[in-house]
Every structure is written in structure tokens, then in C-alpha cells.
Amino acid sequence: MFDELVFRSQNICKFASESEELSAILYCANDNVMVEMEELKSKRKGTCSLFHKDANLKSVNELQSPPRVRTRGHPKIG
């Protein structure tokens, strides 16, 4: 009986040790994923800001002006 308890105790310790190792691996993998996500976010922001820098004044003015509605072939003013 004592030998069986010692054997089980050793198995439990081995499992706990392996569990700690696996947890460390998972935490490391999670950290790596979070770093990659932040890098992608910053790259996307960089791309967007470059896009905005490339926009010329005319396209910005077109985006800011209200939509034009035509009535009977003449542009509506106001």
C-alpha cells in the first residue's frame, strides 16, 4: 500500500511539473501573439496615415462638401 501511495505521489508531482511547463509555454505563446497583434495595429495605423497624407486637397474638399442634388438638369445650390 505504501509503495502505491509513493508511486501516485510521484505521478502527481510529475504531472504538476509538466503542467507548470505547459502553462509557461502557453503564457509565452500568448505574449508572442499579443506582441504580433500590437505590431499589426501599428502597421495598419501607419498605412492609414500614409493614405491620408497622399490625399490631395481636392479629394479632401470633395469629402467635406455636401452631396449635390440635381433638379431638372441644374445643380441645386444651398
N, C-alpha and C. Protein backbone atom coordinates (compact mmCIF):
# COMPACT_ATOMS: atom_id res chain seq x y z
N MET A 1 0.82 -1.20 0.00
CA MET A 1 0.00 0.00 0.00
C MET A 1 0.87 1.27 0.00
N PHE A 2 1.90 1.27 0.83
CA PHE A 2 2.78 2.43 0.91
C PHE A 2 3.46 2.69 -0.43
N ASP A 3 3.93 1.64 -1.09
CA ASP A 3 4.59 1.79 -2.39
C ASP A 3 3.65 2.40 -3.42
N GLU A 4 2.39 1.99 -3.36
CA GLU A 4 1.40 2.54 -4.31
C GLU A 4 1.18 4.03 -4.06
N LEU A 5 1.14 4.43 -2.79
CA LEU A 5 0.97 5.85 -2.46
C LEU A 5 2.18 6.66 -2.92
N VAL A 6 3.37 6.12 -2.74
CA VAL A 6 4.58 6.80 -3.19
C VAL A 6 4.55 6.95 -4.70
N PHE A 7 4.16 5.89 -5.39
CA PHE A 7 4.07 5.93 -6.85
C PHE A 7 3.08 6.99 -7.31
N ARG A 8 1.91 7.02 -6.68
CA ARG A 8 0.89 8.02 -7.04
C ARG A 8 1.39 9.43 -6.74
N SER A 9 2.06 9.58 -5.61
CA SER A 9 2.59 10.89 -5.24
C SER A 9 3.61 11.36 -6.27
N GLN A 10 4.46 10.45 -6.73
CA GLN A 10 5.44 10.81 -7.76
C GLN A 10 4.75 11.19 -9.06
N ASN A 11 3.69 10.46 -9.41
CA ASN A 11 2.94 10.79 -10.63
C ASN A 11 2.30 12.17 -10.53
N ILE A 12 1.77 12.48 -9.36
CA ILE A 12 1.14 13.79 -9.15
C ILE A 12 2.19 14.89 -9.27
N CYS A 13 3.36 14.68 -8.67
CA CYS A 13 4.43 15.69 -8.77
C CYS A 13 4.89 15.85 -10.21
N LYS A 14 5.02 14.73 -10.92
CA LYS A 14 5.43 14.80 -12.32
C LYS A 14 4.39 15.55 -13.14
N PHE A 15 3.10 15.24 -12.91
CA PHE A 15 2.03 15.93 -13.63
C PHE A 15 2.04 17.42 -13.33
N ALA A 16 2.22 17.78 -12.05
CA ALA A 16 2.25 19.19 -11.67
C ALA A 16 3.41 19.90 -12.34
N SER A 17 4.55 19.25 -12.40
CA SER A 17 5.72 19.85 -13.04
C SER A 17 5.47 20.05 -14.53
N GLU A 18 4.91 19.03 -15.18
CA GLU A 18 4.59 19.15 -16.61
C GLU A 18 3.54 20.22 -16.85
N SER A 19 2.58 20.31 -15.94
CA SER A 19 1.53 21.32 -16.06
C SER A 19 2.13 22.72 -15.97
N GLU A 20 3.08 22.91 -15.06
CA GLU A 20 3.74 24.21 -14.93
C GLU A 20 4.52 24.55 -16.20
N GLU A 21 5.19 23.55 -16.77
CA GLU A 21 5.94 23.77 -18.00
C GLU A 21 5.00 24.14 -19.15
N LEU A 22 3.88 23.42 -19.25
CA LEU A 22 2.92 23.72 -20.30
C LEU A 22 2.31 25.10 -20.12
N SER A 23 2.03 25.46 -18.87
CA SER A 23 1.49 26.80 -18.60
C SER A 23 2.48 27.87 -19.02
N ALA A 24 3.75 27.65 -18.73
CA ALA A 24 4.78 28.62 -19.12
C ALA A 24 4.84 28.75 -20.64
N ILE A 25 4.74 27.62 -21.34
CA ILE A 25 4.75 27.65 -22.81
C ILE A 25 3.54 28.41 -23.33
N LEU A 26 2.37 28.15 -22.74
CA LEU A 26 1.15 28.84 -23.19
C LEU A 26 1.24 30.34 -22.92
N TYR A 27 1.74 30.73 -21.76
CA TYR A 27 1.88 32.15 -21.46
C TYR A 27 2.84 32.82 -22.43
N CYS A 28 3.93 32.13 -22.76
CA CYS A 28 4.90 32.68 -23.71
C CYS A 28 4.26 32.84 -25.09
N ALA A 29 3.52 31.82 -25.52
CA ALA A 29 2.85 31.89 -26.82
C ALA A 29 1.84 33.03 -26.84
N ASN A 30 1.10 33.18 -25.75
CA ASN A 30 0.12 34.26 -25.65
C ASN A 30 0.81 35.62 -25.74
N ASP A 31 1.92 35.77 -25.03
CA ASP A 31 2.68 37.03 -25.10
C ASP A 31 3.14 37.33 -26.52
N ASN A 32 3.61 36.29 -27.21
CA ASN A 32 4.06 36.48 -28.60
C ASN A 32 2.92 36.92 -29.50
N VAL A 33 1.74 36.32 -29.31
CA VAL A 33 0.58 36.70 -30.12
C VAL A 33 0.19 38.14 -29.84
N MET A 34 0.21 38.54 -28.58
CA MET A 34 -0.16 39.91 -28.23
C MET A 34 0.82 40.91 -28.86
N VAL A 35 2.11 40.58 -28.86
CA VAL A 35 3.11 41.45 -29.47
C VAL A 35 2.85 41.57 -30.97
N GLU A 36 2.57 40.44 -31.62
CA GLU A 36 2.29 40.47 -33.06
C GLU A 36 1.05 41.29 -33.37
N MET A 37 0.01 41.18 -32.52
CA MET A 37 -1.21 41.96 -32.73
C MET A 37 -0.91 43.45 -32.63
N GLU A 38 -0.12 43.84 -31.65
CA GLU A 38 0.23 45.26 -31.49
C GLU A 38 1.04 45.75 -32.69
N GLU A 39 1.95 44.90 -33.20
CA GLU A 39 2.73 45.29 -34.37
C GLU A 39 1.83 45.49 -35.58
N LEU A 40 0.85 44.59 -35.75
CA LEU A 40 -0.09 44.73 -36.87
C LEU A 40 -0.93 45.99 -36.74
N LYS A 41 -1.37 46.29 -35.52
CA LYS A 41 -2.14 47.51 -35.29
C LYS A 41 -1.33 48.74 -35.68
N SER A 42 -0.07 48.76 -35.25
CA SER A 42 0.75 49.94 -35.56
C SER A 42 1.03 50.02 -37.05
N LYS A 43 1.20 48.89 -37.73
CA LYS A 43 1.41 48.91 -39.18
C LYS A 43 0.16 49.43 -39.88
N ARG A 44 -1.01 49.00 -39.42
CA ARG A 44 -2.26 49.47 -40.04
C ARG A 44 -2.43 50.96 -39.84
N LYS A 45 -2.12 51.44 -38.64
CA LYS A 45 -2.22 52.88 -38.40
C LYS A 45 -1.25 53.62 -39.30
N GLY A 46 -0.06 53.09 -39.48
CA GLY A 46 0.92 53.70 -40.37
C GLY A 46 0.41 53.75 -41.79
N THR A 47 -0.23 52.68 -42.24
CA THR A 47 -0.78 52.64 -43.60
C THR A 47 -1.88 53.67 -43.75
N CYS A 48 -2.75 53.76 -42.76
CA CYS A 48 -3.85 54.74 -42.84
C CYS A 48 -3.30 56.15 -42.88
N SER A 49 -2.31 56.44 -42.05
CA SER A 49 -1.79 57.80 -42.04
C SER A 49 -1.10 58.12 -43.36
N LEU A 50 -0.44 57.14 -43.97
CA LEU A 50 0.16 57.37 -45.28
C LEU A 50 -0.91 57.65 -46.32
N PHE A 51 -2.03 56.92 -46.22
CA PHE A 51 -3.12 57.14 -47.16
C PHE A 51 -3.64 58.56 -47.02
N HIS A 52 -3.82 59.02 -45.79
CA HIS A 52 -4.32 60.38 -45.58
C HIS A 52 -3.31 61.42 -46.06
N LYS A 53 -2.03 61.14 -45.91
CA LYS A 53 -1.01 62.08 -46.38
C LYS A 53 -1.03 62.17 -47.90
N ASP A 54 -1.33 61.05 -48.55
CA ASP A 54 -1.34 61.02 -50.02
C ASP A 54 -2.57 61.71 -50.60
N ALA A 55 -3.61 61.89 -49.81
CA ALA A 55 -4.82 62.52 -50.32
C ALA A 55 -4.53 63.98 -50.65
N ASN A 56 -5.03 64.42 -51.79
CA ASN A 56 -4.79 65.82 -52.15
C ASN A 56 -5.93 66.70 -51.66
N LEU A 57 -5.74 67.99 -51.73
CA LEU A 57 -6.71 68.95 -51.20
C LEU A 57 -8.06 68.82 -51.88
N LYS A 58 -8.08 68.56 -53.18
CA LYS A 58 -9.34 68.44 -53.90
C LYS A 58 -10.18 67.28 -53.36
N SER A 59 -9.55 66.13 -53.14
CA SER A 59 -10.32 64.97 -52.65
C SER A 59 -10.82 65.21 -51.23
N VAL A 60 -10.04 65.92 -50.42
CA VAL A 60 -10.48 66.24 -49.06
C VAL A 60 -11.69 67.18 -49.13
N ASN A 61 -11.64 68.19 -50.00
CA ASN A 61 -12.76 69.12 -50.14
C ASN A 61 -14.01 68.40 -50.64
N GLU A 62 -13.83 67.44 -51.55
CA GLU A 62 -14.98 66.68 -52.04
C GLU A 62 -15.63 65.87 -50.93
N LEU A 63 -14.82 65.33 -50.05
CA LEU A 63 -15.37 64.55 -48.93
C LEU A 63 -16.11 65.44 -47.95
N GLN A 64 -15.66 66.69 -47.80
CA GLN A 64 -16.27 67.58 -46.83
C GLN A 64 -17.50 68.30 -47.37
N SER A 65 -17.63 68.42 -48.68
CA SER A 65 -18.77 69.16 -49.24
C SER A 65 -20.03 68.31 -49.20
N PRO A 66 -21.21 68.95 -49.04
CA PRO A 66 -22.46 68.19 -49.01
C PRO A 66 -22.75 67.58 -50.38
N PRO A 67 -23.52 66.51 -50.42
CA PRO A 67 -23.84 65.90 -51.71
C PRO A 67 -24.64 66.85 -52.58
N ARG A 68 -24.40 66.78 -53.88
CA ARG A 68 -25.11 67.65 -54.81
C ARG A 68 -26.33 66.91 -55.35
N VAL A 69 -27.44 67.60 -55.36
CA VAL A 69 -28.68 67.02 -55.88
C VAL A 69 -29.06 67.80 -57.13
N ARG A 70 -29.25 67.10 -58.24
CA ARG A 70 -29.62 67.78 -59.50
C ARG A 70 -31.14 67.78 -59.63
N THR A 71 -31.67 68.94 -59.99
CA THR A 71 -33.10 69.06 -60.28
C THR A 71 -33.26 69.66 -61.66
N ARG A 72 -33.96 68.97 -62.53
CA ARG A 72 -34.24 69.43 -63.90
C ARG A 72 -32.96 69.83 -64.64
N GLY A 73 -31.89 69.06 -64.43
CA GLY A 73 -30.67 69.32 -65.17
C GLY A 73 -29.81 70.44 -64.62
N HIS A 74 -30.25 71.12 -63.56
CA HIS A 74 -29.46 72.21 -62.99
C HIS A 74 -29.01 71.82 -61.58
N PRO A 75 -27.79 72.16 -61.22
CA PRO A 75 -27.34 71.84 -59.87
C PRO A 75 -28.10 72.66 -58.84
N LYS A 76 -28.49 72.01 -57.77
CA LYS A 76 -29.20 72.70 -56.68
C LYS A 76 -28.18 73.40 -55.80
N ILE A 77 -28.40 74.66 -55.51
CA ILE A 77 -27.47 75.44 -54.70
C ILE A 77 -28.05 75.57 -53.29
N GLY A 78 -27.18 75.32 -52.32
CA GLY A 78 -27.58 75.57 -50.95
C GLY A 78 -28.01 74.38 -50.23
